[in-house]
């Protein structure tokens, strides 16, 4: 049987594809133009033809600032599309694993967020993801919603790749130091998702619902940048000094949660799964990015 991953060239979709192949699992990625969440015509036929044991939705509109002025697209991809996918999965009796985000929270809580905390997004991206969660839960009984945060990988665009690129031409980089979260390495996240998929395949007593999954530990964006450069320096790569700055000094169109920490203890209690310390993900990511054999796009 097959795992269907929705998402073409995104960080998590590509990480899932690589991890599934390494685990000798059959995986099919469905992305644009074959399947577009913004225009899900033909979705049911495409998924039914593959007869998967689970569908993993790793596709999303993630341009946080652009979402403020392109809300129609954000809601089409992050809310209406996942609803159509969930209805398809319900009709075909296929479980759905849907990826969500820390941006459903406003970041004012002084402690890590649990799954029971109220969701209060600050901007259009978070609002679209919150609505996607609600629509998925309502449309498909057998669903897992996984909220994660600060995802990075050797693939596509992300913070780690940006820091290394900037260090190639700058001696000092200013990075926000008043937002806290748990960096999540997409290949580590992919391993946990595939473990959940196998659990769903092999057992009937699946506790469906919402779970948090992110790298273990916490840091700020400034701390993450310093860790990236520490690893890069050890490997002979580009490095730069990091100057701490504040969110107020670096204004963007969309507000960010000051606290993106996610309490992942429910996932560990329920399934015995957790991610490694975030530093391990950074070390592997930077190592792969500095390898001449690693794809850079």
C-alpha atoms as a PDB file:
ATOM      1  CA  UNK A   1       0.000   0.000   0.000  1.00  0.00           C
ATOM      2  CA  UNK A   2       0.975   3.598  -0.605  1.00  0.00           C
ATOM      3  CA  UNK A   3       1.481   6.760   1.408  1.00  0.00           C
ATOM      4  CA  UNK A   4       0.270   9.833  -0.456  1.00  0.00           C
ATOM      5  CA  UNK A   5       2.037  13.079   0.399  1.00  0.00           C
ATOM      6  CA  UNK A   6       0.341  16.285  -0.716  1.00  0.00           C
ATOM      7  CA  UNK A   7       3.008  18.839  -1.562  1.00  0.00           C
ATOM      8  CA  UNK A   8       5.529  19.085  -4.345  1.00  0.00           C
ATOM      9  CA  UNK A   9       8.827  20.821  -3.643  1.00  0.00           C
ATOM     10  CA  UNK A  10       8.278  21.922  -0.053  1.00  0.00           C
ATOM     11  CA  UNK A  11      10.686  21.156   2.779  1.00  0.00           C
ATOM     12  CA  UNK A  12       8.531  18.603   4.546  1.00  0.00           C
ATOM     13  CA  UNK A  13       7.178  16.931   1.409  1.00  0.00           C
ATOM     14  CA  UNK A  14      10.696  16.352   0.107  1.00  0.00           C
ATOM     15  CA  UNK A  15      11.890  15.162   3.516  1.00  0.00           C
ATOM     16  CA  UNK A  16       8.969  12.746   3.741  1.00  0.00           C
ATOM     17  CA  UNK A  17       9.716  11.390   0.293  1.00  0.00           C
ATOM     18  CA  UNK A  18      13.377  10.788   1.178  1.00  0.00           C
ATOM     19  CA  UNK A  19      12.554   9.218   4.553  1.00  0.00           C
ATOM     20  CA  UNK A  20       9.900   6.932   3.074  1.00  0.00           C
ATOM     21  CA  UNK A  21      12.278   5.648   0.419  1.00  0.00           C
ATOM     22  CA  UNK A  22      14.971   5.046   3.051  1.00  0.00           C
ATOM     23  CA  UNK A  23      12.395   3.062   5.080  1.00  0.00           C
ATOM     24  CA  UNK A  24      11.328   1.103   1.980  1.00  0.00           C
ATOM     25  CA  UNK A  25       7.845   2.546   2.097  1.00  0.00           C
ATOM     26  CA  UNK A  26       5.977   3.264  -1.101  1.00  0.00           C
ATOM     27  CA  UNK A  27       5.257   6.977  -1.348  1.00  0.00           C
ATOM     28  CA  UNK A  28       3.622   9.137  -3.985  1.00  0.00           C
ATOM     29  CA  UNK A  29       3.903  12.919  -3.912  1.00  0.00           C
ATOM     30  CA  UNK A  30       0.993  14.855  -5.387  1.00  0.00           C
ATOM     31  CA  UNK A  31       1.657  18.519  -6.019  1.00  0.00           C
ATOM     32  CA  UNK A  32       1.041  21.211  -8.563  1.00  0.00           C
ATOM     33  CA  UNK A  33       0.008  21.007 -11.336  1.00  0.00           C
ATOM     34  CA  UNK A  34      -1.286  17.443 -10.851  1.00  0.00           C
ATOM     35  CA  UNK A  35      -2.993  18.409  -7.574  1.00  0.00           C
ATOM     36  CA  UNK A  36      -3.434  22.007  -6.458  1.00  0.00           C
ATOM     37  CA  UNK A  37      -5.119  22.696  -3.113  1.00  0.00           C
ATOM     38  CA  UNK A  38      -6.189  26.076  -4.435  1.00  0.00           C
ATOM     39  CA  UNK A  39      -8.096  24.303  -7.209  1.00  0.00           C
ATOM     40  CA  UNK A  40      -8.758  20.729  -6.034  1.00  0.00           C
ATOM     41  CA  UNK A  41     -10.625  19.507  -9.132  1.00  0.00           C
ATOM     42  CA  UNK A  42      -9.953  15.823  -9.675  1.00  0.00           C
ATOM     43  CA  UNK A  43      -8.583  15.320  -6.163  1.00  0.00           C
ATOM     44  CA  UNK A  44     -10.796  12.350  -5.327  1.00  0.00           C
ATOM     45  CA  UNK A  45      -9.946  10.490  -8.534  1.00  0.00           C
ATOM     46  CA  UNK A  46      -6.212  11.118  -8.119  1.00  0.00           C
ATOM     47  CA  UNK A  47      -6.137   9.808  -4.552  1.00  0.00           C
ATOM     48  CA  UNK A  48      -8.523   6.924  -5.172  1.00  0.00           C
ATOM     49  CA  UNK A  49      -6.341   5.674  -8.019  1.00  0.00           C
ATOM     50  CA  UNK A  50      -3.377   5.307  -5.633  1.00  0.00           C
ATOM     51  CA  UNK A  51      -5.342   3.512  -2.870  1.00  0.00           C
ATOM     52  CA  UNK A  52      -3.164   4.833  -0.018  1.00  0.00           C
ATOM     53  CA  UNK A  53      -3.362   3.725   3.594  1.00  0.00           C
ATOM     54  CA  UNK A  54      -2.869   7.354   4.671  1.00  0.00           C
ATOM     55  CA  UNK A  55      -2.748  10.827   3.145  1.00  0.00           C
ATOM     56  CA  UNK A  56      -0.279  13.356   4.575  1.00  0.00           C
ATOM     57  CA  UNK A  57      -0.978  16.999   3.790  1.00  0.00           C
ATOM     58  CA  UNK A  58       2.381  18.759   3.777  1.00  0.00           C
ATOM     59  CA  UNK A  59       1.278  21.501   1.370  1.00  0.00           C
ATOM     60  CA  UNK A  60       0.553  25.022   2.549  1.00  0.00           C
ATOM     61  CA  UNK A  61       0.676  28.695   1.686  1.00  0.00           C
ATOM     62  CA  UNK A  62       3.524  29.778   3.979  1.00  0.00           C
ATOM     63  CA  UNK A  63       4.310  33.315   2.773  1.00  0.00           C
ATOM     64  CA  UNK A  64       3.426  34.877   6.122  1.00  0.00           C
ATOM     65  CA  UNK A  65       3.802  38.524   5.092  1.00  0.00           C
ATOM     66  CA  UNK A  66       2.296  38.125   1.625  1.00  0.00           C
ATOM     67  CA  UNK A  67      -0.774  36.525   3.204  1.00  0.00           C
ATOM     68  CA  UNK A  68      -1.733  39.889   4.663  1.00  0.00           C
ATOM     69  CA  UNK A  69      -2.500  41.212   1.164  1.00  0.00           C
ATOM     70  CA  UNK A  70      -3.249  37.885  -0.543  1.00  0.00           C
ATOM     71  CA  UNK A  71      -5.707  36.455   1.929  1.00  0.00           C
ATOM     72  CA  UNK A  72      -7.841  34.828  -0.757  1.00  0.00           C
ATOM     73  CA  UNK A  73      -4.992  32.561  -1.831  1.00  0.00           C
ATOM     74  CA  UNK A  74      -3.915  31.861   1.756  1.00  0.00           C
ATOM     75  CA  UNK A  75      -7.409  30.719   2.728  1.00  0.00           C
ATOM     76  CA  UNK A  76      -7.874  28.759  -0.492  1.00  0.00           C
ATOM     77  CA  UNK A  77      -4.686  26.750   0.087  1.00  0.00           C
ATOM     78  CA  UNK A  78      -4.695  26.557   3.881  1.00  0.00           C
ATOM     79  CA  UNK A  79      -8.414  26.188   4.629  1.00  0.00           C
ATOM     80  CA  UNK A  80     -10.637  25.370   1.642  1.00  0.00           C
ATOM     81  CA  UNK A  81      -8.112  22.997   0.061  1.00  0.00           C
ATOM     82  CA  UNK A  82      -7.536  20.952   3.225  1.00  0.00           C
ATOM     83  CA  UNK A  83     -11.307  20.772   3.739  1.00  0.00           C
ATOM     84  CA  UNK A  84     -11.735  19.316   0.240  1.00  0.00           C
ATOM     85  CA  UNK A  85      -8.913  16.892   0.984  1.00  0.00           C
ATOM     86  CA  UNK A  86     -10.497  15.887   4.298  1.00  0.00           C
ATOM     87  CA  UNK A  87     -13.879  15.302   2.636  1.00  0.00           C
ATOM     88  CA  UNK A  88     -12.152  13.143   0.032  1.00  0.00           C
ATOM     89  CA  UNK A  89     -10.386  11.112   2.712  1.00  0.00           C
ATOM     90  CA  UNK A  90     -13.624  10.653   4.641  1.00  0.00           C
ATOM     91  CA  UNK A  91     -15.430   9.485   1.521  1.00  0.00           C
ATOM     92  CA  UNK A  92     -12.650   7.007   0.712  1.00  0.00           C
ATOM     93  CA  UNK A  93     -12.199   5.873   4.366  1.00  0.00           C
ATOM     94  CA  UNK A  94      -8.561   7.018   4.402  1.00  0.00           C
ATOM     95  CA  UNK A  95      -6.965   8.633   7.485  1.00  0.00           C
ATOM     96  CA  UNK A  96      -5.590  12.155   7.014  1.00  0.00           C
ATOM     97  CA  UNK A  97      -2.524  13.617   8.714  1.00  0.00           C
ATOM     98  CA  UNK A  98      -2.559  17.416   8.355  1.00  0.00           C
ATOM     99  CA  UNK A  99       0.353  19.731   9.182  1.00  0.00           C
ATOM    100  CA  UNK A 100      -0.364  22.984  10.999  1.00  0.00           C
ATOM    101  CA  UNK A 101       1.635  25.670  12.760  1.00  0.00           C
ATOM    102  CA  UNK A 102       2.513  27.583  15.916  1.00  0.00           C
ATOM    103  CA  UNK A 103       1.041  30.670  14.227  1.00  0.00           C
ATOM    104  CA  UNK A 104      -2.431  29.655  15.410  1.00  0.00           C
ATOM    105  CA  UNK A 105      -1.337  31.096  18.797  1.00  0.00           C
ATOM    106  CA  UNK A 106      -0.775  34.754  19.649  1.00  0.00           C
ATOM    107  CA  UNK A 107       2.501  34.121  21.489  1.00  0.00           C
ATOM    108  CA  UNK A 108       1.568  35.873  24.732  1.00  0.00           C
ATOM    109  CA  UNK A 109       1.600  32.797  26.964  1.00  0.00           C
ATOM    110  CA  UNK A 110       4.709  32.719  29.213  1.00  0.00           C
ATOM    111  CA  UNK A 111       5.032  28.927  28.902  1.00  0.00           C
ATOM    112  CA  UNK A 112       4.985  26.435  25.995  1.00  0.00           C
ATOM    113  CA  UNK A 113       1.594  26.042  24.346  1.00  0.00           C
ATOM    114  CA  UNK A 114      -0.411  22.861  24.837  1.00  0.00           C
ATOM    115  CA  UNK A 115      -3.028  21.462  22.479  1.00  0.00           C
ATOM    116  CA  UNK A 116      -5.762  22.689  24.849  1.00  0.00           C
ATOM    117  CA  UNK A 117      -4.710  26.339  24.813  1.00  0.00           C
ATOM    118  CA  UNK A 118      -7.039  28.723  22.966  1.00  0.00           C
ATOM    119  CA  UNK A 119      -5.992  29.570  19.414  1.00  0.00           C
ATOM    120  CA  UNK A 120      -5.782  33.302  18.660  1.00  0.00           C
ATOM    121  CA  UNK A 121      -3.813  33.991  15.466  1.00  0.00           C
ATOM    122  CA  UNK A 122      -2.188  37.379  14.955  1.00  0.00           C
ATOM    123  CA  UNK A 123      -2.433  37.557  11.173  1.00  0.00           C
ATOM    124  CA  UNK A 124      -3.940  36.185   7.986  1.00  0.00           C
ATOM    125  CA  UNK A 125      -1.569  33.222   7.689  1.00  0.00           C
ATOM    126  CA  UNK A 126      -2.384  32.012  11.199  1.00  0.00           C
ATOM    127  CA  UNK A 127      -6.089  32.634  10.659  1.00  0.00           C
ATOM    128  CA  UNK A 128      -6.035  30.561   7.472  1.00  0.00           C
ATOM    129  CA  UNK A 129      -4.222  27.709   9.214  1.00  0.00           C
ATOM    130  CA  UNK A 130      -6.621  27.806  12.166  1.00  0.00           C
ATOM    131  CA  UNK A 131      -9.573  27.585   9.815  1.00  0.00           C
ATOM    132  CA  UNK A 132      -7.865  24.715   8.017  1.00  0.00           C
ATOM    133  CA  UNK A 133      -7.556  22.832  11.298  1.00  0.00           C
ATOM    134  CA  UNK A 134     -11.225  23.372  12.081  1.00  0.00           C
ATOM    135  CA  UNK A 135     -12.401  22.287   8.639  1.00  0.00           C
ATOM    136  CA  UNK A 136     -10.210  19.172   8.619  1.00  0.00           C
ATOM    137  CA  UNK A 137     -11.444  18.120  12.056  1.00  0.00           C
ATOM    138  CA  UNK A 138     -15.069  18.619  11.034  1.00  0.00           C
ATOM    139  CA  UNK A 139     -14.778  16.833   7.674  1.00  0.00           C
ATOM    140  CA  UNK A 140     -12.695  13.745   8.483  1.00  0.00           C
ATOM    141  CA  UNK A 141     -13.216  11.675  11.619  1.00  0.00           C
ATOM    142  CA  UNK A 142      -9.891   9.825  11.350  1.00  0.00           C
ATOM    143  CA  UNK A 143      -7.492  12.743  11.388  1.00  0.00           C
ATOM    144  CA  UNK A 144      -4.271  13.776  13.084  1.00  0.00           C
ATOM    145  CA  UNK A 145      -3.413  17.471  13.082  1.00  0.00           C
ATOM    146  CA  UNK A 146       0.264  18.119  13.844  1.00  0.00           C
ATOM    147  CA  UNK A 147       1.320  21.626  14.811  1.00  0.00           C
ATOM    148  CA  UNK A 148       4.995  22.359  14.328  1.00  0.00           C
ATOM    149  CA  UNK A 149       7.272  25.412  14.247  1.00  0.00           C
ATOM    150  CA  UNK A 150      10.441  26.960  12.820  1.00  0.00           C
ATOM    151  CA  UNK A 151      10.958  24.268  10.187  1.00  0.00           C
ATOM    152  CA  UNK A 152      14.278  24.107   8.341  1.00  0.00           C
ATOM    153  CA  UNK A 153      15.989  21.596   6.062  1.00  0.00           C
ATOM    154  CA  UNK A 154      18.450  21.341   3.177  1.00  0.00           C
ATOM    155  CA  UNK A 155      15.507  21.927   0.826  1.00  0.00           C
ATOM    156  CA  UNK A 156      13.676  25.047  -0.404  1.00  0.00           C
ATOM    157  CA  UNK A 157      13.944  28.377   1.403  1.00  0.00           C
ATOM    158  CA  UNK A 158      14.345  28.619   5.173  1.00  0.00           C
ATOM    159  CA  UNK A 159      16.144  30.496   7.953  1.00  0.00           C
ATOM    160  CA  UNK A 160      19.224  28.255   8.114  1.00  0.00           C
ATOM    161  CA  UNK A 161      19.865  28.555   4.381  1.00  0.00           C
ATOM    162  CA  UNK A 162      19.312  32.324   4.546  1.00  0.00           C
ATOM    163  CA  UNK A 163      21.892  32.724   7.326  1.00  0.00           C
ATOM    164  CA  UNK A 164      24.531  30.805   5.388  1.00  0.00           C
ATOM    165  CA  UNK A 165      23.799  32.787   2.250  1.00  0.00           C
ATOM    166  CA  UNK A 166      24.071  36.123   4.066  1.00  0.00           C
ATOM    167  CA  UNK A 167      27.295  35.093   5.788  1.00  0.00           C
ATOM    168  CA  UNK A 168      28.929  34.663   2.403  1.00  0.00           C
ATOM    169  CA  UNK A 169      28.813  38.451   1.889  1.00  0.00           C
ATOM    170  CA  UNK A 170      28.439  39.981   5.378  1.00  0.00           C
ATOM    171  CA  UNK A 171      30.611  40.085   8.485  1.00  0.00           C
ATOM    172  CA  UNK A 172      27.699  40.921  10.810  1.00  0.00           C
ATOM    173  CA  UNK A 173      24.019  40.013  10.647  1.00  0.00           C
ATOM    174  CA  UNK A 174      21.240  41.463  12.822  1.00  0.00           C
ATOM    175  CA  UNK A 175      18.799  38.827  14.056  1.00  0.00           C
ATOM    176  CA  UNK A 176      15.704  39.107  16.250  1.00  0.00           C
ATOM    177  CA  UNK A 177      16.326  37.969  19.817  1.00  0.00           C
ATOM    178  CA  UNK A 178      12.905  38.467  21.448  1.00  0.00           C
ATOM    179  CA  UNK A 179      11.003  35.648  19.713  1.00  0.00           C
ATOM    180  CA  UNK A 180      11.407  32.191  21.225  1.00  0.00           C
ATOM    181  CA  UNK A 181      10.681  28.819  19.678  1.00  0.00           C
ATOM    182  CA  UNK A 182      11.871  25.285  18.991  1.00  0.00           C
ATOM    183  CA  UNK A 183      13.652  24.864  15.639  1.00  0.00           C
ATOM    184  CA  UNK A 184      12.343  21.769  13.866  1.00  0.00           C
ATOM    185  CA  UNK A 185      14.448  19.838  11.367  1.00  0.00           C
ATOM    186  CA  UNK A 186      12.176  18.604   8.579  1.00  0.00           C
ATOM    187  CA  UNK A 187      13.889  15.181   8.197  1.00  0.00           C
ATOM    188  CA  UNK A 188      13.424  14.569  11.956  1.00  0.00           C
ATOM    189  CA  UNK A 189       9.790  15.626  11.652  1.00  0.00           C
ATOM    190  CA  UNK A 190       9.380  13.315   8.661  1.00  0.00           C
ATOM    191  CA  UNK A 191      10.635  10.362  10.708  1.00  0.00           C
ATOM    192  CA  UNK A 192       8.009  11.015  13.389  1.00  0.00           C
ATOM    193  CA  UNK A 193       5.253  11.406  10.800  1.00  0.00           C
ATOM    194  CA  UNK A 194       6.147   8.097   9.159  1.00  0.00           C
ATOM    195  CA  UNK A 195       6.173   6.418  12.578  1.00  0.00           C
ATOM    196  CA  UNK A 196       2.637   7.746  13.100  1.00  0.00           C
ATOM    197  CA  UNK A 197       1.648   6.477   9.659  1.00  0.00           C
ATOM    198  CA  UNK A 198       2.882   2.980  10.543  1.00  0.00           C
ATOM    199  CA  UNK A 199       0.994   3.150  13.836  1.00  0.00           C
ATOM    200  CA  UNK A 200      -2.188   3.999  11.953  1.00  0.00           C
ATOM    201  CA  UNK A 201      -1.596   1.165   9.483  1.00  0.00           C
ATOM    202  CA  UNK A 202      -0.875  -1.480  12.110  1.00  0.00           C
ATOM    203  CA  UNK A 203      -3.290  -0.593  14.929  1.00  0.00           C
ATOM    204  CA  UNK A 204      -6.955   0.228  15.333  1.00  0.00           C
ATOM    205  CA  UNK A 205      -6.795   2.104  18.631  1.00  0.00           C
ATOM    206  CA  UNK A 206      -5.542   5.411  17.230  1.00  0.00           C
ATOM    207  CA  UNK A 207      -6.207   8.445  19.480  1.00  0.00           C
ATOM    208  CA  UNK A 208      -7.182  10.887  16.747  1.00  0.00           C
ATOM    209  CA  UNK A 209      -6.914  14.630  17.264  1.00  0.00           C
ATOM    210  CA  UNK A 210      -4.365  17.432  17.518  1.00  0.00           C
ATOM    211  CA  UNK A 211      -0.739  17.045  18.646  1.00  0.00           C
ATOM    212  CA  UNK A 212       2.300  19.280  18.887  1.00  0.00           C
ATOM    213  CA  UNK A 213       5.634  18.166  17.442  1.00  0.00           C
ATOM    214  CA  UNK A 214       8.781  20.302  17.325  1.00  0.00           C
ATOM    215  CA  UNK A 215      12.480  20.060  18.039  1.00  0.00           C
ATOM    216  CA  UNK A 216      13.352  19.442  21.692  1.00  0.00           C
ATOM    217  CA  UNK A 217      14.581  22.513  23.549  1.00  0.00           C
ATOM    218  CA  UNK A 218      14.209  26.182  22.756  1.00  0.00           C
ATOM    219  CA  UNK A 219      16.101  29.218  21.543  1.00  0.00           C
ATOM    220  CA  UNK A 220      15.599  32.586  19.852  1.00  0.00           C
ATOM    221  CA  UNK A 221      16.175  33.384  16.199  1.00  0.00           C
ATOM    222  CA  UNK A 222      19.417  35.006  17.304  1.00  0.00           C
ATOM    223  CA  UNK A 223      20.437  31.849  19.171  1.00  0.00           C
ATOM    224  CA  UNK A 224      19.562  29.747  16.154  1.00  0.00           C
ATOM    225  CA  UNK A 225      21.714  31.922  13.890  1.00  0.00           C
ATOM    226  CA  UNK A 226      24.659  31.629  16.275  1.00  0.00           C
ATOM    227  CA  UNK A 227      24.299  27.844  16.329  1.00  0.00           C
ATOM    228  CA  UNK A 228      24.230  27.751  12.519  1.00  0.00           C
ATOM    229  CA  UNK A 229      27.463  29.730  12.335  1.00  0.00           C
ATOM    230  CA  UNK A 230      29.125  27.689  15.086  1.00  0.00           C
ATOM    231  CA  UNK A 231      28.479  24.500  13.116  1.00  0.00           C
ATOM    232  CA  UNK A 232      29.517  26.144   9.858  1.00  0.00           C
ATOM    233  CA  UNK A 233      32.768  27.394  11.379  1.00  0.00           C
ATOM    234  CA  UNK A 234      33.673  23.900  12.600  1.00  0.00           C
ATOM    235  CA  UNK A 235      33.167  22.624   9.061  1.00  0.00           C
ATOM    236  CA  UNK A 236      35.112  25.419   7.398  1.00  0.00           C
ATOM    237  CA  UNK A 237      32.013  27.147   6.031  1.00  0.00           C
ATOM    238  CA  UNK A 238      30.829  30.758   6.013  1.00  0.00           C
ATOM    239  CA  UNK A 239      30.301  32.487   9.346  1.00  0.00           C
ATOM    240  CA  UNK A 240      29.403  35.924  10.687  1.00  0.00           C
ATOM    241  CA  UNK A 241      28.933  37.676  13.994  1.00  0.00           C
ATOM    242  CA  UNK A 242      25.323  38.007  15.104  1.00  0.00           C
ATOM    243  CA  UNK A 243      23.958  41.233  16.549  1.00  0.00           C
ATOM    244  CA  UNK A 244      20.801  40.783  18.644  1.00  0.00           C
ATOM    245  CA  UNK A 245      17.906  43.015  17.626  1.00  0.00           C
ATOM    246  CA  UNK A 246      14.245  43.333  18.574  1.00  0.00           C
ATOM    247  CA  UNK A 247      11.037  42.675  16.704  1.00  0.00           C
ATOM    248  CA  UNK A 248      10.276  46.402  16.883  1.00  0.00           C
ATOM    249  CA  UNK A 249      13.555  47.172  15.096  1.00  0.00           C
ATOM    250  CA  UNK A 250      12.710  44.742  12.285  1.00  0.00           C
ATOM    251  CA  UNK A 251       9.129  45.571  11.243  1.00  0.00           C
ATOM    252  CA  UNK A 252       7.327  43.194   8.857  1.00  0.00           C
ATOM    253  CA  UNK A 253       3.837  43.176   7.375  1.00  0.00           C
ATOM    254  CA  UNK A 254       2.629  40.328   9.611  1.00  0.00           C
ATOM    255  CA  UNK A 255       3.033  40.113  13.375  1.00  0.00           C
ATOM    256  CA  UNK A 256       4.927  37.096  14.692  1.00  0.00           C
ATOM    257  CA  UNK A 257       4.232  35.241  17.955  1.00  0.00           C
ATOM    258  CA  UNK A 258       6.831  36.210  20.572  1.00  0.00           C
ATOM    259  CA  UNK A 259       6.459  32.723  22.056  1.00  0.00           C
ATOM    260  CA  UNK A 260       6.314  29.838  19.574  1.00  0.00           C
ATOM    261  CA  UNK A 261       7.251  27.129  22.045  1.00  0.00           C
ATOM    262  CA  UNK A 262       5.077  24.023  21.747  1.00  0.00           C
ATOM    263  CA  UNK A 263       4.544  21.528  24.545  1.00  0.00           C
ATOM    264  CA  UNK A 264       5.004  18.172  22.786  1.00  0.00           C
ATOM    265  CA  UNK A 265       4.411  15.937  25.806  1.00  0.00           C
ATOM    266  CA  UNK A 266       1.008  14.669  24.578  1.00  0.00           C
ATOM    267  CA  UNK A 267       2.630  13.147  21.496  1.00  0.00           C
ATOM    268  CA  UNK A 268       5.295  11.454  23.619  1.00  0.00           C
ATOM    269  CA  UNK A 269       2.778  10.164  26.173  1.00  0.00           C
ATOM    270  CA  UNK A 270       0.405   8.858  23.528  1.00  0.00           C
ATOM    271  CA  UNK A 271       2.726   7.473  20.862  1.00  0.00           C
ATOM    272  CA  UNK A 272       6.147   7.392  22.540  1.00  0.00           C
ATOM    273  CA  UNK A 273       7.499   9.771  19.901  1.00  0.00           C
ATOM    274  CA  UNK A 274       9.590  12.918  20.176  1.00  0.00           C
ATOM    275  CA  UNK A 275      12.136  14.840  18.143  1.00  0.00           C
ATOM    276  CA  UNK A 276      15.855  15.083  18.983  1.00  0.00           C
ATOM    277  CA  UNK A 277      17.320  18.285  20.465  1.00  0.00           C
ATOM    278  CA  UNK A 278      17.067  21.108  17.965  1.00  0.00           C
ATOM    279  CA  UNK A 279      20.848  21.466  17.872  1.00  0.00           C
ATOM    280  CA  UNK A 280      21.144  18.013  16.283  1.00  0.00           C
ATOM    281  CA  UNK A 281      18.893  19.099  13.455  1.00  0.00           C
ATOM    282  CA  UNK A 282      20.931  22.253  12.864  1.00  0.00           C
ATOM    283  CA  UNK A 283      24.170  20.267  12.823  1.00  0.00           C
ATOM    284  CA  UNK A 284      22.847  17.814  10.247  1.00  0.00           C
ATOM    285  CA  UNK A 285      21.243  20.538   8.149  1.00  0.00           C
ATOM    286  CA  UNK A 286      24.386  22.684   7.966  1.00  0.00           C
ATOM    287  CA  UNK A 287      26.558  19.637   7.289  1.00  0.00           C
ATOM    288  CA  UNK A 288      24.373  18.645   4.373  1.00  0.00           C
ATOM    289  CA  UNK A 289      24.192  22.180   3.024  1.00  0.00           C
ATOM    290  CA  UNK A 290      27.987  22.445   3.014  1.00  0.00           C
ATOM    291  CA  UNK A 291      28.333  19.118   1.244  1.00  0.00           C
ATOM    292  CA  UNK A 292      28.990  19.532  -2.505  1.00  0.00           C
ATOM    293  CA  UNK A 293      26.779  16.500  -3.206  1.00  0.00           C
ATOM    294  CA  UNK A 294      23.695  17.979  -1.494  1.00  0.00           C
ATOM    295  CA  UNK A 295      20.973  19.619  -3.638  1.00  0.00           C
ATOM    296  CA  UNK A 296      20.720  23.340  -2.853  1.00  0.00           C
ATOM    297  CA  UNK A 297      17.270  24.211  -4.181  1.00  0.00           C
END
